[in-house]
Amino acid sequence: MPYHKPIPDDGKRSEGSGGLFSGLQSIVQVEKIGQIAFILPSAAVIGWLGGAWLDGHFHQKWMTLTGFILGCIAGISSAVKLAISMANEPLKDPSTKSSSQSKDSNPSE
């Protein structure tokens, strides 16, 4: 697990703005985790239904299982991509300066 340095409290933010931001950030994180919980079973069901339709159309018995397995693989790969993008996404606080502004200012001068 990577180590994240704590964000220093510089005292410039008002007391009310941090609470609203953290509440909305929590809701966004829960929604993204809910997407993972929805993607996995829905991809498996779509693959299973597609394989069952192909079974009925071509009169084969193996296509349902193949569709289910391909749906599971697609769901897992999509969930992993979403989890990786969530892990790499930095927390965005609208009250802080952008990184380009902080690079331009030199505190030693």
PDB file of N, CA and C in Angstrom:
ATOM      1  N   MET A   1       0.839  -1.167   0.000  1.00  0.00           N
ATOM      2  CA  MET A   1       0.000   0.000   0.000  1.00  0.00           C
ATOM      3  C   MET A   1       0.890   1.238   0.000  1.00  0.00           C
ATOM      4  N   PRO A   2       0.660   2.158  -0.938  1.00  0.00           N
ATOM      5  CA  PRO A   2       1.518   3.336  -1.011  1.00  0.00           C
ATOM      6  C   PRO A   2       1.261   4.286   0.157  1.00  0.00           C
ATOM      7  N   TYR A   3       2.291   5.007   0.511  1.00  0.00           N
ATOM      8  CA  TYR A   3       2.192   5.974   1.588  1.00  0.00           C
ATOM      9  C   TYR A   3       1.844   7.337   0.992  1.00  0.00           C
ATOM     10  N   HIS A   4       0.826   7.957   1.539  1.00  0.00           N
ATOM     11  CA  HIS A   4       0.426   9.295   1.099  1.00  0.00           C
ATOM     12  C   HIS A   4       0.715  10.274   2.227  1.00  0.00           C
ATOM     13  N   LYS A   5       1.448  11.326   1.887  1.00  0.00           N
ATOM     14  CA  LYS A   5       1.759  12.339   2.882  1.00  0.00           C
ATOM     15  C   LYS A   5       0.478  13.081   3.251  1.00  0.00           C
ATOM     16  N   PRO A   6       0.287  13.402   4.513  1.00  0.00           N
ATOM     17  CA  PRO A   6      -0.910  14.140   4.900  1.00  0.00           C
ATOM     18  C   PRO A   6      -0.863  15.562   4.351  1.00  0.00           C
ATOM     19  N   ILE A   7      -2.022  16.086   4.042  1.00  0.00           N
ATOM     20  CA  ILE A   7      -2.122  17.446   3.527  1.00  0.00           C
ATOM     21  C   ILE A   7      -1.984  18.405   4.708  1.00  0.00           C
ATOM     22  N   PRO A   8      -1.013  19.322   4.656  1.00  0.00           N
ATOM     23  CA  PRO A   8      -0.842  20.242   5.782  1.00  0.00           C
ATOM     24  C   PRO A   8      -1.992  21.239   5.849  1.00  0.00           C
ATOM     25  N   ASP A   9      -2.394  21.552   7.046  1.00  0.00           N
ATOM     26  CA  ASP A   9      -3.451  22.521   7.258  1.00  0.00           C
ATOM     27  C   ASP A   9      -2.807  23.890   7.407  1.00  0.00           C
ATOM     28  N   ASP A  10      -2.993  24.747   6.402  1.00  0.00           N
ATOM     29  CA  ASP A  10      -2.370  26.068   6.448  1.00  0.00           C
ATOM     30  C   ASP A  10      -3.258  27.118   7.116  1.00  0.00           C
ATOM     31  N   GLY A  11      -4.473  26.755   7.477  1.00  0.00           N
ATOM     32  CA  GLY A  11      -5.356  27.676   8.168  1.00  0.00           C
ATOM     33  C   GLY A  11      -6.030  28.683   7.260  1.00  0.00           C
ATOM     34  N   LYS A  12      -5.816  28.633   5.949  1.00  0.00           N
ATOM     35  CA  LYS A  12      -6.410  29.602   5.037  1.00  0.00           C
ATOM     36  C   LYS A  12      -7.842  29.237   4.659  1.00  0.00           C
ATOM     37  N   ARG A  13      -8.197  27.953   4.772  1.00  0.00           N
ATOM     38  CA  ARG A  13      -9.553  27.541   4.420  1.00  0.00           C
ATOM     39  C   ARG A  13     -10.507  27.895   5.536  1.00  0.00           C
ATOM     40  N   SER A  14     -11.718  28.194   5.143  1.00  0.00           N
ATOM     41  CA  SER A  14     -12.729  28.445   6.158  1.00  0.00           C
ATOM     42  C   SER A  14     -13.209  27.115   6.712  1.00  0.00           C
ATOM     43  N   GLU A  15     -13.821  27.147   7.884  1.00  0.00           N
ATOM     44  CA  GLU A  15     -14.222  25.910   8.535  1.00  0.00           C
ATOM     45  C   GLU A  15     -15.319  25.202   7.764  1.00  0.00           C
ATOM     46  N   GLY A  16     -16.195  25.898   7.105  1.00  0.00           N
ATOM     47  CA  GLY A  16     -17.323  25.282   6.421  1.00  0.00           C
ATOM     48  C   GLY A  16     -16.967  24.675   5.071  1.00  0.00           C
ATOM     49  N   SER A  17     -15.956  25.170   4.384  1.00  0.00           N
ATOM     50  CA  SER A  17     -15.667  24.690   3.035  1.00  0.00           C
ATOM     51  C   SER A  17     -15.059  23.294   3.029  1.00  0.00           C
ATOM     52  N   GLY A  18     -14.258  22.953   4.010  1.00  0.00           N
ATOM     53  CA  GLY A  18     -13.637  21.634   4.042  1.00  0.00           C
ATOM     54  C   GLY A  18     -14.642  20.527   4.270  1.00  0.00           C
ATOM     55  N   GLY A  19     -15.656  20.782   5.095  1.00  0.00           N
ATOM     56  CA  GLY A  19     -16.658  19.764   5.384  1.00  0.00           C
ATOM     57  C   GLY A  19     -17.496  19.430   4.176  1.00  0.00           C
ATOM     58  N   LEU A  20     -17.883  20.419   3.406  1.00  0.00           N
ATOM     59  CA  LEU A  20     -18.690  20.176   2.211  1.00  0.00           C
ATOM     60  C   LEU A  20     -17.889  19.423   1.173  1.00  0.00           C
ATOM     61  N   PHE A  21     -16.627  19.807   0.991  1.00  0.00           N
ATOM     62  CA  PHE A  21     -15.792  19.115   0.010  1.00  0.00           C
ATOM     63  C   PHE A  21     -15.591  17.665   0.402  1.00  0.00           C
ATOM     64  N   SER A  22     -15.288  17.397   1.646  1.00  0.00           N
ATOM     65  CA  SER A  22     -15.045  16.014   2.060  1.00  0.00           C
ATOM     66  C   SER A  22     -16.305  15.184   1.958  1.00  0.00           C
ATOM     67  N   GLY A  23     -17.467  15.778   2.195  1.00  0.00           N
ATOM     68  CA  GLY A  23     -18.725  15.048   2.057  1.00  0.00           C
ATOM     69  C   GLY A  23     -19.009  14.683   0.615  1.00  0.00           C
ATOM     70  N   LEU A  24     -18.802  15.615  -0.299  1.00  0.00           N
ATOM     71  CA  LEU A  24     -19.004  15.321  -1.718  1.00  0.00           C
ATOM     72  C   LEU A  24     -17.976  14.331  -2.231  1.00  0.00           C
ATOM     73  N   GLN A  25     -16.747  14.439  -1.754  1.00  0.00           N
ATOM     74  CA  GLN A  25     -15.697  13.501  -2.164  1.00  0.00           C
ATOM     75  C   GLN A  25     -16.049  12.094  -1.710  1.00  0.00           C
ATOM     76  N   SER A  26     -16.624  11.952  -0.536  1.00  0.00           N
ATOM     77  CA  SER A  26     -17.032  10.635  -0.039  1.00  0.00           C
ATOM     78  C   SER A  26     -18.142  10.051  -0.894  1.00  0.00           C
ATOM     79  N   ILE A  27     -19.090  10.873  -1.296  1.00  0.00           N
ATOM     80  CA  ILE A  27     -20.185  10.406  -2.142  1.00  0.00           C
ATOM     81  C   ILE A  27     -19.657   9.950  -3.496  1.00  0.00           C
ATOM     82  N   VAL A  28     -18.701  10.673  -4.049  1.00  0.00           N
ATOM     83  CA  VAL A  28     -18.109  10.290  -5.336  1.00  0.00           C
ATOM     84  C   VAL A  28     -17.370   8.956  -5.209  1.00  0.00           C
ATOM     85  N   GLN A  29     -16.633   8.764  -4.134  1.00  0.00           N
ATOM     86  CA  GLN A  29     -15.913   7.507  -3.928  1.00  0.00           C
ATOM     87  C   GLN A  29     -16.881   6.331  -3.786  1.00  0.00           C
ATOM     88  N   VAL A  30     -17.976   6.518  -3.059  1.00  0.00           N
ATOM     89  CA  VAL A  30     -18.974   5.460  -2.899  1.00  0.00           C
ATOM     90  C   VAL A  30     -19.612   5.127  -4.246  1.00  0.00           C
ATOM     91  N   GLU A  31     -19.860   6.134  -5.059  1.00  0.00           N
ATOM     92  CA  GLU A  31     -20.457   5.908  -6.375  1.00  0.00           C
ATOM     93  C   GLU A  31     -19.518   5.115  -7.275  1.00  0.00           C
ATOM     94  N   LYS A  32     -18.235   5.404  -7.209  1.00  0.00           N
ATOM     95  CA  LYS A  32     -17.272   4.667  -8.035  1.00  0.00           C
ATOM     96  C   LYS A  32     -17.146   3.217  -7.579  1.00  0.00           C
ATOM     97  N   ILE A  33     -17.187   2.985  -6.285  1.00  0.00           N
ATOM     98  CA  ILE A  33     -17.148   1.616  -5.784  1.00  0.00           C
ATOM     99  C   ILE A  33     -18.432   0.883  -6.161  1.00  0.00           C
ATOM    100  N   GLY A  34     -19.551   1.599  -6.164  1.00  0.00           N
ATOM    101  CA  GLY A  34     -20.816   1.004  -6.599  1.00  0.00           C
ATOM    102  C   GLY A  34     -20.791   0.606  -8.069  1.00  0.00           C
ATOM    103  N   GLN A  35     -20.055   1.351  -8.881  1.00  0.00           N
ATOM    104  CA  GLN A  35     -19.912   0.976 -10.291  1.00  0.00           C
ATOM    105  C   GLN A  35     -19.228  -0.371 -10.421  1.00  0.00           C
ATOM    106  N   ILE A  36     -18.212  -0.615  -9.609  1.00  0.00           N
ATOM    107  CA  ILE A  36     -17.516  -1.898  -9.653  1.00  0.00           C
ATOM    108  C   ILE A  36     -18.476  -3.018  -9.263  1.00  0.00           C
ATOM    109  N   ALA A  37     -19.280  -2.787  -8.227  1.00  0.00           N
ATOM    110  CA  ALA A  37     -20.229  -3.802  -7.776  1.00  0.00           C
ATOM    111  C   ALA A  37     -21.316  -4.056  -8.816  1.00  0.00           C
ATOM    112  N   PHE A  38     -21.600  -3.098  -9.660  1.00  0.00           N
ATOM    113  CA  PHE A  38     -22.617  -3.263 -10.704  1.00  0.00           C
ATOM    114  C   PHE A  38     -22.036  -3.872 -11.977  1.00  0.00           C
ATOM    115  N   ILE A  39     -20.792  -3.552 -12.303  1.00  0.00           N
ATOM    116  CA  ILE A  39     -20.180  -4.013 -13.553  1.00  0.00           C
ATOM    117  C   ILE A  39     -19.989  -5.528 -13.563  1.00  0.00           C
ATOM    118  N   LEU A  40     -19.486  -6.089 -12.481  1.00  0.00           N
ATOM    119  CA  LEU A  40     -19.166  -7.520 -12.454  1.00  0.00           C
ATOM    120  C   LEU A  40     -20.383  -8.406 -12.739  1.00  0.00           C
ATOM    121  N   PRO A  41     -21.470  -8.306 -11.999  1.00  0.00           N
ATOM    122  CA  PRO A  41     -22.596  -9.203 -12.297  1.00  0.00           C
ATOM    123  C   PRO A  41     -23.305  -8.885 -13.604  1.00  0.00           C
ATOM    124  N   SER A  42     -23.381  -7.612 -13.958  1.00  0.00           N
ATOM    125  CA  SER A  42     -24.082  -7.278 -15.203  1.00  0.00           C
ATOM    126  C   SER A  42     -23.327  -7.798 -16.425  1.00  0.00           C
ATOM    127  N   ALA A  43     -22.000  -7.747 -16.410  1.00  0.00           N
ATOM    128  CA  ALA A  43     -21.234  -8.282 -17.536  1.00  0.00           C
ATOM    129  C   ALA A  43     -21.405  -9.794 -17.637  1.00  0.00           C
ATOM    130  N   ALA A  44     -21.432 -10.481 -16.505  1.00  0.00           N
ATOM    131  CA  ALA A  44     -21.631 -11.932 -16.516  1.00  0.00           C
ATOM    132  C   ALA A  44     -23.021 -12.290 -17.034  1.00  0.00           C
ATOM    133  N   VAL A  45     -24.038 -11.545 -16.625  1.00  0.00           N
ATOM    134  CA  VAL A  45     -25.411 -11.822 -17.083  1.00  0.00           C
ATOM    135  C   VAL A  45     -25.559 -11.524 -18.574  1.00  0.00           C
ATOM    136  N   ILE A  46     -24.967 -10.446 -19.041  1.00  0.00           N
ATOM    137  CA  ILE A  46     -25.034 -10.120 -20.478  1.00  0.00           C
ATOM    138  C   ILE A  46     -24.327 -11.197 -21.300  1.00  0.00           C
ATOM    139  N   GLY A  47     -23.176 -11.660 -20.837  1.00  0.00           N
ATOM    140  CA  GLY A  47     -22.476 -12.737 -21.533  1.00  0.00           C
ATOM    141  C   GLY A  47     -23.282 -14.027 -21.532  1.00  0.00           C
ATOM    142  N   TRP A  48     -23.910 -14.342 -20.405  1.00  0.00           N
ATOM    143  CA  TRP A  48     -24.730 -15.544 -20.298  1.00  0.00           C
ATOM    144  C   TRP A  48     -25.940 -15.471 -21.231  1.00  0.00           C
ATOM    145  N   LEU A  49     -26.617 -14.326 -21.247  1.00  0.00           N
ATOM    146  CA  LEU A  49     -27.776 -14.174 -22.135  1.00  0.00           C
ATOM    147  C   LEU A  49     -27.371 -14.226 -23.604  1.00  0.00           C
ATOM    148  N   GLY A  50     -26.252 -13.605 -23.941  1.00  0.00           N
ATOM    149  CA  GLY A  50     -25.766 -13.678 -25.326  1.00  0.00           C
ATOM    150  C   GLY A  50     -25.415 -15.100 -25.727  1.00  0.00           C
ATOM    151  N   GLY A  51     -24.772 -15.842 -24.821  1.00  0.00           N
ATOM    152  CA  GLY A  51     -24.445 -17.236 -25.106  1.00  0.00           C
ATOM    153  C   GLY A  51     -25.688 -18.101 -25.212  1.00  0.00           C
ATOM    154  N   ALA A  52     -26.694 -17.834 -24.373  1.00  0.00           N
ATOM    155  CA  ALA A  52     -27.946 -18.598 -24.451  1.00  0.00           C
ATOM    156  C   ALA A  52     -28.664 -18.321 -25.769  1.00  0.00           C
ATOM    157  N   TRP A  53     -28.629 -17.067 -26.213  1.00  0.00           N
ATOM    158  CA  TRP A  53     -29.255 -16.745 -27.498  1.00  0.00           C
ATOM    159  C   TRP A  53     -28.523 -17.453 -28.636  1.00  0.00           C
ATOM    160  N   LEU A  54     -27.209 -17.450 -28.597  1.00  0.00           N
ATOM    161  CA  LEU A  54     -26.433 -18.156 -29.625  1.00  0.00           C
ATOM    162  C   LEU A  54     -26.683 -19.661 -29.571  1.00  0.00           C
ATOM    163  N   ASP A  55     -26.858 -20.223 -28.361  1.00  0.00           N
ATOM    164  CA  ASP A  55     -27.204 -21.637 -28.226  1.00  0.00           C
ATOM    165  C   ASP A  55     -28.506 -21.958 -28.948  1.00  0.00           C
ATOM    166  N   GLY A  56     -29.502 -21.130 -28.736  1.00  0.00           N
ATOM    167  CA  GLY A  56     -30.792 -21.367 -29.376  1.00  0.00           C
ATOM    168  C   GLY A  56     -30.747 -21.152 -30.883  1.00  0.00           C
ATOM    169  N   HIS A  57     -29.942 -20.205 -31.300  1.00  0.00           N
ATOM    170  CA  HIS A  57     -29.869 -19.883 -32.727  1.00  0.00           C
ATOM    171  C   HIS A  57     -29.080 -20.932 -33.506  1.00  0.00           C
ATOM    172  N   PHE A  58     -27.961 -21.390 -32.962  1.00  0.00           N
ATOM    173  CA  PHE A  58     -27.098 -22.337 -33.668  1.00  0.00           C
ATOM    174  C   PHE A  58     -27.226 -23.781 -33.155  1.00  0.00           C
ATOM    175  N   HIS A  59     -28.088 -24.021 -32.168  1.00  0.00           N
ATOM    176  CA  HIS A  59     -28.333 -25.358 -31.612  1.00  0.00           C
ATOM    177  C   HIS A  59     -27.044 -26.007 -31.106  1.00  0.00           C
ATOM    178  N   GLN A  60     -26.294 -25.256 -30.350  1.00  0.00           N
ATOM    179  CA  GLN A  60     -25.069 -25.749 -29.721  1.00  0.00           C
ATOM    180  C   GLN A  60     -25.257 -25.679 -28.207  1.00  0.00           C
ATOM    181  N   LYS A  61     -24.532 -26.501 -27.458  1.00  0.00           N
ATOM    182  CA  LYS A  61     -24.672 -26.517 -25.999  1.00  0.00           C
ATOM    183  C   LYS A  61     -23.541 -25.778 -25.279  1.00  0.00           C
ATOM    184  N   TRP A  62     -22.457 -25.473 -25.927  1.00  0.00           N
ATOM    185  CA  TRP A  62     -21.299 -24.901 -25.263  1.00  0.00           C
ATOM    186  C   TRP A  62     -21.271 -23.380 -25.276  1.00  0.00           C
ATOM    187  N   MET A  63     -22.136 -22.749 -26.034  1.00  0.00           N
ATOM    188  CA  MET A  63     -22.054 -21.292 -26.193  1.00  0.00           C
ATOM    189  C   MET A  63     -22.531 -20.533 -24.951  1.00  0.00           C
ATOM    190  N   THR A  64     -23.436 -21.099 -24.182  1.00  0.00           N
ATOM    191  CA  THR A  64     -23.879 -20.422 -22.965  1.00  0.00           C
ATOM    192  C   THR A  64     -22.728 -20.301 -21.971  1.00  0.00           C
ATOM    193  N   LEU A  65     -22.020 -21.393 -21.774  1.00  0.00           N
ATOM    194  CA  LEU A  65     -20.876 -21.371 -20.855  1.00  0.00           C
ATOM    195  C   LEU A  65     -19.775 -20.444 -21.364  1.00  0.00           C
ATOM    196  N   THR A  66     -19.527 -20.482 -22.670  1.00  0.00           N
ATOM    197  CA  THR A  66     -18.508 -19.598 -23.247  1.00  0.00           C
ATOM    198  C   THR A  66     -18.902 -18.129 -23.092  1.00  0.00           C
ATOM    199  N   GLY A  67     -20.164 -17.804 -23.344  1.00  0.00           N
ATOM    200  CA  GLY A  67     -20.630 -16.430 -23.162  1.00  0.00           C
ATOM    201  C   GLY A  67     -20.522 -15.975 -21.724  1.00  0.00           C
ATOM    202  N   PHE A  68     -20.850 -16.874 -20.780  1.00  0.00           N
ATOM    203  CA  PHE A  68     -20.731 -16.539 -19.365  1.00  0.00           C
ATOM    204  C   PHE A  68     -19.273 -16.274 -18.986  1.00  0.00           C
ATOM    205  N   ILE A  69     -18.371 -17.131 -19.445  1.00  0.00           N
ATOM    206  CA  ILE A  69     -16.944 -16.959 -19.130  1.00  0.00           C
ATOM    207  C   ILE A  69     -16.407 -15.672 -19.751  1.00  0.00           C
ATOM    208  N   LEU A  70     -16.763 -15.395 -20.993  1.00  0.00           N
ATOM    209  CA  LEU A  70     -16.309 -14.148 -21.633  1.00  0.00           C
ATOM    210  C   LEU A  70     -16.899 -12.923 -20.934  1.00  0.00           C
ATOM    211  N   GLY A  71     -18.136 -13.015 -20.480  1.00  0.00           N
ATOM    212  CA  GLY A  71     -18.740 -11.917 -19.723  1.00  0.00           C
ATOM    213  C   GLY A  71     -18.023 -11.684 -18.407  1.00  0.00           C
ATOM    214  N   CYS A  72     -17.649 -12.780 -17.733  1.00  0.00           N
ATOM    215  CA  CYS A  72     -16.899 -12.641 -16.473  1.00  0.00           C
ATOM    216  C   CYS A  72     -15.539 -11.997 -16.708  1.00  0.00           C
ATOM    217  N   ILE A  73     -14.866 -12.427 -17.773  1.00  0.00           N
ATOM    218  CA  ILE A  73     -13.558 -11.838 -18.094  1.00  0.00           C
ATOM    219  C   ILE A  73     -13.696 -10.357 -18.415  1.00  0.00           C
ATOM    220  N   ALA A  74     -14.714 -10.008 -19.200  1.00  0.00           N
ATOM    221  CA  ALA A  74     -14.934  -8.595 -19.537  1.00  0.00           C
ATOM    222  C   ALA A  74     -15.263  -7.777 -18.289  1.00  0.00           C
ATOM    223  N   GLY A  75     -16.078  -8.318 -17.391  1.00  0.00           N
ATOM    224  CA  GLY A  75     -16.430  -7.606 -16.162  1.00  0.00           C
ATOM    225  C   GLY A  75     -15.243  -7.410 -15.249  1.00  0.00           C
ATOM    226  N   ILE A  76     -14.419  -8.447 -15.115  1.00  0.00           N
ATOM    227  CA  ILE A  76     -13.241  -8.333 -14.253  1.00  0.00           C
ATOM    228  C   ILE A  76     -12.239  -7.333 -14.822  1.00  0.00           C
ATOM    229  N   SER A  77     -12.021  -7.387 -16.140  1.00  0.00           N
ATOM    230  CA  SER A  77     -11.064  -6.439 -16.724  1.00  0.00           C
ATOM    231  C   SER A  77     -11.572  -5.003 -16.611  1.00  0.00           C
ATOM    232  N   SER A  78     -12.856  -4.802 -16.790  1.00  0.00           N
ATOM    233  CA  SER A  78     -13.415  -3.459 -16.651  1.00  0.00           C
ATOM    234  C   SER A  78     -13.333  -2.976 -15.201  1.00  0.00           C
ATOM    235  N   ALA A  79     -13.605  -3.859 -14.255  1.00  0.00           N
ATOM    236  CA  ALA A  79     -13.525  -3.483 -12.846  1.00  0.00           C
ATOM    237  C   ALA A  79     -12.088  -3.166 -12.438  1.00  0.00           C
ATOM    238  N   VAL A  80     -11.129  -3.923 -12.964  1.00  0.00           N
ATOM    239  CA  VAL A  80      -9.720  -3.657 -12.645  1.00  0.00           C
ATOM    240  C   VAL A  80      -9.291  -2.315 -13.231  1.00  0.00           C
ATOM    241  N   LYS A  81      -9.708  -2.024 -14.464  1.00  0.00           N
ATOM    242  CA  LYS A  81      -9.377  -0.723 -15.060  1.00  0.00           C
ATOM    243  C   LYS A  81      -9.962   0.417 -14.245  1.00  0.00           C
ATOM    244  N   LEU A  82     -11.201   0.252 -13.782  1.00  0.00           N
ATOM    245  CA  LEU A  82     -11.829   1.292 -12.979  1.00  0.00           C
ATOM    246  C   LEU A  82     -11.127   1.453 -11.637  1.00  0.00           C
ATOM    247  N   ALA A  83     -10.729   0.344 -11.026  1.00  0.00           N
ATOM    248  CA  ALA A  83     -10.028   0.415  -9.737  1.00  0.00           C
ATOM    249  C   ALA A  83      -8.657   1.069  -9.891  1.00  0.00           C
ATOM    250  N   ILE A  84      -7.964   0.767 -10.981  1.00  0.00           N
ATOM    251  CA  ILE A  84      -6.655   1.390 -11.217  1.00  0.00           C
ATOM    252  C   ILE A  84      -6.813   2.887 -11.452  1.00  0.00           C
ATOM    253  N   SER A  85      -7.839   3.277 -12.208  1.00  0.00           N
ATOM    254  CA  SER A  85      -8.045   4.713 -12.439  1.00  0.00           C
ATOM    255  C   SER A  85      -8.436   5.425 -11.147  1.00  0.00           C
ATOM    256  N   MET A  86      -9.173   4.734 -10.266  1.00  0.00           N
ATOM    257  CA  MET A  86      -9.514   5.337  -8.973  1.00  0.00           C
ATOM    258  C   MET A  86      -8.274   5.500  -8.100  1.00  0.00           C
ATOM    259  N   ALA A  87      -7.376   4.525  -8.156  1.00  0.00           N
ATOM    260  CA  ALA A  87      -6.168   4.594  -7.331  1.00  0.00           C
ATOM    261  C   ALA A  87      -5.213   5.668  -7.836  1.00  0.00           C
ATOM    262  N   ASN A  88      -5.175   5.901  -9.136  1.00  0.00           N
ATOM    263  CA  ASN A  88      -4.256   6.887  -9.703  1.00  0.00           C
ATOM    264  C   ASN A  88      -4.826   8.294  -9.716  1.00  0.00           C
ATOM    265  N   GLU A  89      -6.102   8.443  -9.463  1.00  0.00           N
ATOM    266  CA  GLU A  89      -6.728   9.765  -9.507  1.00  0.00           C
ATOM    267  C   GLU A  89      -6.429  10.525  -8.219  1.00  0.00           C
ATOM    268  N   PRO A  90      -5.824  11.699  -8.333  1.00  0.00           N
ATOM    269  CA  PRO A  90      -5.532  12.475  -7.117  1.00  0.00           C
ATOM    270  C   PRO A  90      -6.799  13.133  -6.591  1.00  0.00           C
ATOM    271  N   LEU A  91      -6.805  13.390  -5.298  1.00  0.00           N
ATOM    272  CA  LEU A  91      -7.932  14.106  -4.711  1.00  0.00           C
ATOM    273  C   LEU A  91      -7.846  15.558  -5.136  1.00  0.00           C
ATOM    274  N   LYS A  92      -8.954  16.097  -5.589  1.00  0.00           N
ATOM    275  CA  LYS A  92      -8.972  17.475  -6.086  1.00  0.00           C
ATOM    276  C   LYS A  92      -9.695  18.351  -5.073  1.00  0.00           C
ATOM    277  N   ASP A  93      -9.003  19.321  -4.562  1.00  0.00           N
ATOM    278  CA  ASP A  93      -9.580  20.265  -3.621  1.00  0.00           C
ATOM    279  C   ASP A  93      -9.666  21.618  -4.316  1.00  0.00           C
ATOM    280  N   PRO A  94     -10.868  22.142  -4.511  1.00  0.00           N
ATOM    281  CA  PRO A  94     -10.988  23.409  -5.237  1.00  0.00           C
ATOM    282  C   PRO A  94     -10.386  24.602  -4.504  1.00  0.00           C
ATOM    283  N   SER A  95     -10.111  24.481  -3.199  1.00  0.00           N
ATOM    284  CA  SER A  95      -9.569  25.614  -2.459  1.00  0.00           C
ATOM    285  C   SER A  95      -8.051  25.718  -2.558  1.00  0.00           C
ATOM    286  N   THR A  96      -7.376  24.715  -3.150  1.00  0.00           N
ATOM    287  CA  THR A  96      -5.923  24.775  -3.270  1.00  0.00           C
ATOM    288  C   THR A  96      -5.538  25.305  -4.637  1.00  0.00           C
ATOM    289  N   LYS A  97      -4.280  25.768  -4.750  1.00  0.00           N
ATOM    290  CA  LYS A  97      -3.780  26.275  -6.028  1.00  0.00           C
ATOM    291  C   LYS A  97      -3.445  25.121  -6.946  1.00  0.00           C
ATOM    292  N   SER A  98      -3.451  25.370  -8.242  1.00  0.00           N
ATOM    293  CA  SER A  98      -3.068  24.324  -9.191  1.00  0.00           C
ATOM    294  C   SER A  98      -1.556  24.130  -9.150  1.00  0.00           C
ATOM    295  N   SER A  99      -1.095  22.989  -9.680  1.00  0.00           N
ATOM    296  CA  SER A  99       0.332  22.679  -9.614  1.00  0.00           C
ATOM    297  C   SER A  99       1.160  23.614 -10.481  1.00  0.00           C
ATOM    298  N   SER A 100       0.596  24.166 -11.562  1.00  0.00           N
ATOM    299  CA  SER A 100       1.362  25.064 -12.423  1.00  0.00           C
ATOM    300  C   SER A 100       1.635  26.396 -11.712  1.00  0.00           C
ATOM    301  N   GLN A 101       0.701  26.847 -10.872  1.00  0.00           N
ATOM    302  CA  GLN A 101       0.931  28.089 -10.143  1.00  0.00           C
ATOM    303  C   GLN A 101       1.974  27.897  -9.058  1.00  0.00           C
ATOM    304  N   SER A 102       1.994  26.728  -8.425  1.00  0.00           N
ATOM    305  CA  SER A 102       2.954  26.526  -7.341  1.00  0.00           C
ATOM    306  C   SER A 102       4.366  26.332  -7.889  1.00  0.00           C
ATOM    307  N   LYS A 103       4.513  25.863  -9.124  1.00  0.00           N
ATOM    308  CA  LYS A 103       5.835  25.700  -9.709  1.00  0.00           C
ATOM    309  C   LYS A 103       6.427  27.053 -10.101  1.00  0.00           C
ATOM    310  N   ASP A 104       5.562  27.998 -10.492  1.00  0.00           N
ATOM    311  CA  ASP A 104       6.045  29.299 -10.931  1.00  0.00           C
ATOM    312  C   ASP A 104       6.569  30.149  -9.752  1.00  0.00           C
ATOM    313  N   SER A 105       5.948  30.016  -8.615  1.00  0.00           N
ATOM    314  CA  SER A 105       6.377  30.827  -7.475  1.00  0.00           C
ATOM    315  C   SER A 105       7.555  30.158  -6.783  1.00  0.00           C
ATOM    316  N   ASN A 106       8.578  30.923  -6.537  1.00  0.00           N
ATOM    317  CA  ASN A 106       9.782  30.405  -5.890  1.00  0.00           C
ATOM    318  C   ASN A 106       9.864  31.008  -4.494  1.00  0.00           C
ATOM    319  N   PRO A 107       9.702  30.188  -3.435  1.00  0.00           N
ATOM    320  CA  PRO A 107       9.698  30.760  -2.077  1.00  0.00           C
ATOM    321  C   PRO A 107      11.062  31.232  -1.609  1.00  0.00           C
ATOM    322  N   SER A 108      12.161  30.852  -2.264  1.00  0.00           N
ATOM    323  CA  SER A 108      13.490  31.256  -1.792  1.00  0.00           C
ATOM    324  C   SER A 108      13.830  32.685  -2.200  1.00  0.00           C
ATOM    325  N   GLU A 109      13.100  33.270  -3.128  1.00  0.00           N
ATOM    326  CA  GLU A 109      13.409  34.634  -3.573  1.00  0.00           C
ATOM    327  C   GLU A 109      12.790  35.667  -2.674  1.00  0.00           C
TER     328      GLU A 109
END
